[in-house]
C-alpha atoms as a PDB file:
ATOM      1  CA  MET A   1     101.540 146.355 120.839  1.00  0.00           C
ATOM      2  CA  LEU A   2     100.833 143.019 119.153  1.00  0.00           C
ATOM      3  CA  PHE A   3     102.755 143.868 115.983  1.00  0.00           C
ATOM      4  CA  GLU A   4     105.545 145.787 117.664  1.00  0.00           C
ATOM      5  CA  GLY A   5     108.130 143.028 117.089  1.00  0.00           C
ATOM      6  CA  THR A   6     107.197 142.858 113.413  1.00  0.00           C
ATOM      7  CA  ALA A   7     107.535 146.627 113.061  1.00  0.00           C
ATOM      8  CA  TRP A   8     110.997 146.594 114.609  1.00  0.00           C
ATOM      9  CA  ALA A   9     112.005 143.682 112.373  1.00  0.00           C
ATOM     10  CA  GLN A  10     110.845 145.524 109.261  1.00  0.00           C
ATOM     11  CA  ALA A  11     112.645 148.708 110.297  1.00  0.00           C
ATOM     12  CA  ALA A  12     115.868 146.837 110.991  1.00  0.00           C
ATOM     13  CA  ALA A  13     115.722 144.948 107.695  1.00  0.00           C
ATOM     14  CA  GLY A  14     115.983 148.162 105.727  1.00  0.00           C
ATOM     15  CA  THR A  15     119.620 147.675 104.799  1.00  0.00           C
ATOM     16  CA  PRO A  16     120.503 144.736 102.539  1.00  0.00           C
ATOM     17  CA  ALA A  17     123.730 144.021 104.444  1.00  0.00           C
ATOM     18  CA  ASP A  18     121.801 143.271 107.653  1.00  0.00           C
ATOM     19  CA  GLN A  19     119.461 140.687 106.082  1.00  0.00           C
ATOM     20  CA  PRO A  20     120.244 137.095 107.030  1.00  0.00           C
ATOM     21  CA  SER A  21     121.147 134.713 104.254  1.00  0.00           C
ATOM     22  CA  PHE A  22     118.808 131.997 103.030  1.00  0.00           C
ATOM     23  CA  VAL A  23     120.719 129.335 104.986  1.00  0.00           C
ATOM     24  CA  GLN A  24     120.474 131.344 108.209  1.00  0.00           C
ATOM     25  CA  GLN A  25     116.738 131.824 107.696  1.00  0.00           C
ATOM     26  CA  LEU A  26     116.337 128.097 107.048  1.00  0.00           C
ATOM     27  CA  MET A  27     118.252 127.095 110.189  1.00  0.00           C
ATOM     28  CA  THR A  28     116.447 129.525 112.483  1.00  0.00           C
ATOM     29  CA  GLY A  29     112.966 128.745 111.173  1.00  0.00           C
ATOM     30  CA  PRO A  30     110.535 126.018 112.207  1.00  0.00           C
ATOM     31  CA  GLY A  31     111.973 123.448 109.753  1.00  0.00           C
ATOM     32  CA  PRO A  32     114.746 122.007 111.928  1.00  0.00           C
ATOM     33  CA  ILE A  33     112.422 121.715 114.914  1.00  0.00           C
ATOM     34  CA  MET A  34     109.800 119.871 112.863  1.00  0.00           C
ATOM     35  CA  ALA A  35     112.459 117.540 111.452  1.00  0.00           C
ATOM     36  CA  LEU A  36     113.675 116.808 114.981  1.00  0.00           C
ATOM     37  CA  VAL A  37     110.118 116.030 116.167  1.00  0.00           C
ATOM     38  CA  VAL A  38     109.561 113.653 113.240  1.00  0.00           C
ATOM     39  CA  ALA A  39     112.889 111.912 113.881  1.00  0.00           C
ATOM     40  CA  VAL A  40     112.142 111.465 117.584  1.00  0.00           C
ATOM     41  CA  MET A  41     108.662 110.094 116.830  1.00  0.00           C
ATOM     42  CA  TYR A  42     110.145 107.625 114.344  1.00  0.00           C
ATOM     43  CA  PHE A  43     112.789 106.280 116.717  1.00  0.00           C
ATOM     44  CA  LEU A  44     110.636 106.238 119.878  1.00  0.00           C
ATOM     45  CA  VAL A  45     107.264 105.131 118.476  1.00  0.00           C
ATOM     46  CA  PHE A  46     107.130 103.806 114.929  1.00  0.00           C
ATOM     47  CA  ARG A  47     110.350 101.798 114.743  1.00  0.00           C
ATOM     48  CA  PRO A  48     109.824  99.764 117.963  1.00  0.00           C
ATOM     49  CA  GLN A  49     106.194  99.142 117.001  1.00  0.00           C
ATOM     50  CA  ASN A  50     107.232  97.792 113.585  1.00  0.00           C
ATOM     51  CA  LYS A  51     109.918  95.584 115.119  1.00  0.00           C
ATOM     52  CA  LYS A  52     107.423  94.123 117.597  1.00  0.00           C
ATOM     53  CA  ALA A  53     104.902  93.442 114.806  1.00  0.00           C
ATOM     54  CA  GLN A  54     107.586  91.661 112.784  1.00  0.00           C
ATOM     55  CA  GLU A  55     108.553  89.510 115.774  1.00  0.00           C
ATOM     56  CA  GLN A  56     104.875  88.619 116.393  1.00  0.00           C
ATOM     57  CA  ALA A  57     104.387  87.650 112.733  1.00  0.00           C
ATOM     58  CA  LYS A  58     107.530  85.504 112.826  1.00  0.00           C
ATOM     59  CA  MET A  59     106.356  83.780 116.032  1.00  0.00           C
ATOM     60  CA  LEU A  60     102.914  83.072 114.516  1.00  0.00           C
ATOM     61  CA  SER A  61     104.434  81.590 111.376  1.00  0.00           C
ATOM     62  CA  THR A  62     106.671  79.194 113.345  1.00  0.00           C
ATOM     63  CA  LEU A  63     103.944  77.687 115.563  1.00  0.00           C
ATOM     64  CA  LYS A  64     103.760  73.908 115.397  1.00  0.00           C
ATOM     65  CA  ARG A  65     102.026  70.969 117.039  1.00  0.00           C
ATOM     66  CA  ASN A  66     102.641  70.506 120.813  1.00  0.00           C
ATOM     67  CA  ASP A  67     103.740  74.121 121.363  1.00  0.00           C
ATOM     68  CA  GLU A  68     102.182  75.512 124.522  1.00  0.00           C
ATOM     69  CA  VAL A  69     100.731  78.951 123.827  1.00  0.00           C
ATOM     70  CA  VAL A  70      98.634  81.618 125.492  1.00  0.00           C
ATOM     71  CA  THR A  71      95.858  83.471 123.661  1.00  0.00           C
ATOM     72  CA  THR A  72      95.074  87.165 123.879  1.00  0.00           C
ATOM     73  CA  GLY A  73      92.194  86.184 126.185  1.00  0.00           C
ATOM     74  CA  GLY A  74      94.579  84.456 128.589  1.00  0.00           C
ATOM     75  CA  ILE A  75      93.718  80.843 127.721  1.00  0.00           C
ATOM     76  CA  ILE A  76      96.696  78.497 127.921  1.00  0.00           C
ATOM     77  CA  GLY A  77      96.695  75.421 125.735  1.00  0.00           C
ATOM     78  CA  ARG A  78      98.756  73.017 123.683  1.00  0.00           C
ATOM     79  CA  ILE A  79      98.475  73.134 119.893  1.00  0.00           C
ATOM     80  CA  GLN A  80      96.851  69.992 118.478  1.00  0.00           C
ATOM     81  CA  ASP A  81      96.338  71.181 114.905  1.00  0.00           C
ATOM     82  CA  ALA A  82      97.804  74.260 113.226  1.00  0.00           C
ATOM     83  CA  GLY A  83      96.062  75.394 110.062  1.00  0.00           C
ATOM     84  CA  ASP A  84      96.644  78.530 108.022  1.00  0.00           C
ATOM     85  CA  LYS A  85      93.984  80.613 109.804  1.00  0.00           C
ATOM     86  CA  VAL A  86      92.696  78.438 112.679  1.00  0.00           C
ATOM     87  CA  ILE A  87      94.588  76.641 115.435  1.00  0.00           C
ATOM     88  CA  THR A  88      93.091  73.909 117.609  1.00  0.00           C
ATOM     89  CA  LEU A  89      94.207  74.098 121.231  1.00  0.00           C
ATOM     90  CA  GLU A  90      93.800  71.386 123.836  1.00  0.00           C
ATOM     91  CA  VAL A  91      93.169  73.191 127.123  1.00  0.00           C
ATOM     92  CA  ALA A  92      92.327  70.099 129.185  1.00  0.00           C
ATOM     93  CA  PRO A  93      92.191  66.376 128.429  1.00  0.00           C
ATOM     94  CA  ASN A  94      89.755  65.965 125.509  1.00  0.00           C
ATOM     95  CA  VAL A  95      88.743  69.656 125.626  1.00  0.00           C
ATOM     96  CA  ARG A  96      89.682  71.457 122.447  1.00  0.00           C
ATOM     97  CA  LEU A  97      89.158  75.048 121.339  1.00  0.00           C
ATOM     98  CA  ARG A  98      89.511  76.498 117.879  1.00  0.00           C
ATOM     99  CA  VAL A  99      91.067  79.963 117.823  1.00  0.00           C
ATOM    100  CA  GLU A 100      92.286  82.203 115.049  1.00  0.00           C
ATOM    101  CA  ARG A 101      96.028  82.176 114.566  1.00  0.00           C
ATOM    102  CA  SER A 102      96.148  85.976 114.983  1.00  0.00           C
ATOM    103  CA  GLN A 103      94.722  85.655 118.530  1.00  0.00           C
ATOM    104  CA  ILE A 104      97.777  83.809 119.826  1.00  0.00           C
ATOM    105  CA  ALA A 105      99.657  86.225 122.072  1.00  0.00           C
ATOM    106  CA  GLY A 106     102.799  84.155 122.452  1.00  0.00           C
ATOM    107  CA  LEU A 107     104.409  81.009 123.688  1.00  0.00           C
ATOM    108  CA  SER A 108     103.438  80.162 127.238  1.00  0.00           C
ATOM    109  CA  THR A 109     105.998  80.554 129.983  1.00  0.00           C
ATOM    110  CA  TYR A 110     103.707  78.733 132.425  1.00  0.00           C
ATOM    111  CA  LYS A 111     105.075  75.399 133.551  1.00  0.00           C
ATOM    112  CA  ALA A 112     102.691  72.967 135.173  1.00  0.00           C
ATOM    113  CA  SER A 113     103.862  71.842 138.574  1.00  0.00           C
ATOM    114  CA  ALA A 114     105.194  68.318 138.689  1.00  0.00           C
ATOM    115  CA  LYS A 115     102.596  65.777 139.713  1.00  0.00           C
ATOM    116  CA  LYS A 116     103.252  64.210 143.072  1.00  0.00           C
ATOM    117  CA  ASP A 117     102.709  60.512 143.531  1.00  0.00           C
ATOM    118  CA  ASP A 118      99.779  59.797 145.833  1.00  0.00           C
ATOM    119  CA  LYS A 119     100.752  57.352 148.551  1.00  0.00           C
END
């Protein structure tokens, strides 16, 4: 029962005129499906991931003094010194942290509220 389909296929392939050509075998086999899976994975996973990594690397290379950034840990600070590997952030007046450049998640979108004059 398990090999019944194979037996019928072998019996039907007895005449050379009924055998599919090499191109037909190639198109009906698992090759096109595997190629489609690889193409989908490339366009949905690998390509966007590479583009995001390139954008992150570009952002890290353009950081300069007085940029307000957020770290991967969620700390928001202003860049006081930007070295090759380490960046010094001022997170409060006279409070500075040294963080690795690779731990900067991005530029901060947080805007401090305007100070109101005390009367």
